[in-house]
Amino acid sequence: RSHIALIHKDADGDFGVSLPEFKEVVTAGTDLADARRMAEEALLLHVDGMLEDGEAVPEPSRLETAADQHHPS
């Protein structure tokens, strides 16, 4: 399953990554490849914890829905 990751970059900072379906998962990387690796690792660790706790893992959402969750109007 593929979940949506939103990547942003500040002028003087790293590439930040957030996952709208997993509000607890926030990470960063020094470049796009590093940000992607860090996001994958953070998501896997988080999902493993959810499964250990018996929590349901959310289904992937559509891009439009994820964008609304990240930036509510």
Protein backbone atom coordinates (compact mmCIF):
# COMPACT_ATOMS: atom_id res chain seq x y z
CA ARG A 1 0.00 0.00 0.00
CA SER A 2 1.18 3.50 -0.75
CA HIS A 3 0.41 6.42 1.51
CA ILE A 4 0.79 10.06 0.56
CA ALA A 5 3.76 12.01 1.88
CA LEU A 6 3.92 15.79 1.66
CA ILE A 7 7.40 17.23 1.25
CA HIS A 8 8.24 20.86 1.89
CA LYS A 9 11.47 22.82 1.92
CA ASP A 10 12.27 26.03 3.69
CA ALA A 11 14.88 28.25 2.06
CA ASP A 12 17.50 27.55 4.72
CA GLY A 13 16.42 24.14 5.98
CA ASP A 14 16.09 20.47 5.24
CA PHE A 15 13.28 18.80 3.32
CA GLY A 16 10.46 18.21 5.79
CA VAL A 17 8.05 15.31 5.34
CA SER A 18 4.60 14.82 6.84
CA LEU A 19 2.05 12.09 6.25
CA PRO A 20 -1.52 13.39 6.48
CA GLU A 21 -2.96 9.98 7.38
CA PHE A 22 -0.41 9.59 10.19
CA LYS A 23 -0.26 12.96 11.94
CA GLU A 24 2.30 11.59 14.43
CA VAL A 25 4.82 10.86 11.65
CA VAL A 26 6.97 13.88 10.83
CA THR A 27 10.56 13.68 9.65
CA ALA A 28 13.14 15.43 7.47
CA GLY A 29 16.09 14.79 5.21
CA THR A 30 18.99 16.76 3.83
CA ASP A 31 17.91 16.08 0.23
CA LEU A 32 14.90 14.50 -1.48
CA ALA A 33 16.34 10.98 -1.44
CA ASP A 34 17.22 11.28 2.26
CA ALA A 35 13.77 12.70 3.05
CA ARG A 36 12.11 9.77 1.27
CA ARG A 37 14.26 7.23 3.14
CA MET A 38 13.57 8.89 6.47
CA ALA A 39 9.81 9.00 5.76
CA GLU A 40 9.73 5.32 4.84
CA GLU A 41 11.62 4.40 8.00
CA ALA A 42 9.45 6.58 10.23
CA LEU A 43 6.24 5.22 8.68
CA LEU A 44 7.34 1.59 9.05
CA LEU A 45 8.25 2.10 12.71
CA HIS A 46 4.96 3.86 13.38
CA VAL A 47 2.87 1.18 11.63
CA ASP A 48 4.75 -1.57 13.47
CA GLY A 49 3.84 0.15 16.74
CA MET A 50 0.21 0.48 15.69
CA LEU A 51 0.02 -3.21 14.83
CA GLU A 52 1.67 -4.20 18.14
CA ASP A 53 -0.95 -2.09 19.96
CA GLY A 54 -3.79 -3.67 17.98
CA GLU A 55 -4.66 -0.42 16.21
CA ALA A 56 -6.07 -0.34 12.70
CA VAL A 57 -3.79 1.07 10.01
CA PRO A 58 -5.62 3.64 7.88
CA GLU A 59 -6.25 2.86 4.24
CA PRO A 60 -4.42 5.07 1.76
CA SER A 61 -6.45 8.09 0.77
CA ARG A 62 -6.69 10.06 -2.43
CA LEU A 63 -4.43 13.07 -2.96
CA GLU A 64 -7.34 15.52 -2.70
CA THR A 65 -8.40 14.08 0.65
CA ALA A 66 -4.83 14.09 2.00
CA ALA A 67 -4.30 17.71 0.99
CA ASP A 68 -7.53 18.70 2.78
CA GLN A 69 -6.38 16.87 5.93
CA HIS A 70 -3.04 18.69 5.84
CA HIS A 71 -4.43 22.16 5.10
CA PRO A 72 -8.01 22.37 6.32
CA SER A 73 -10.03 25.27 4.93
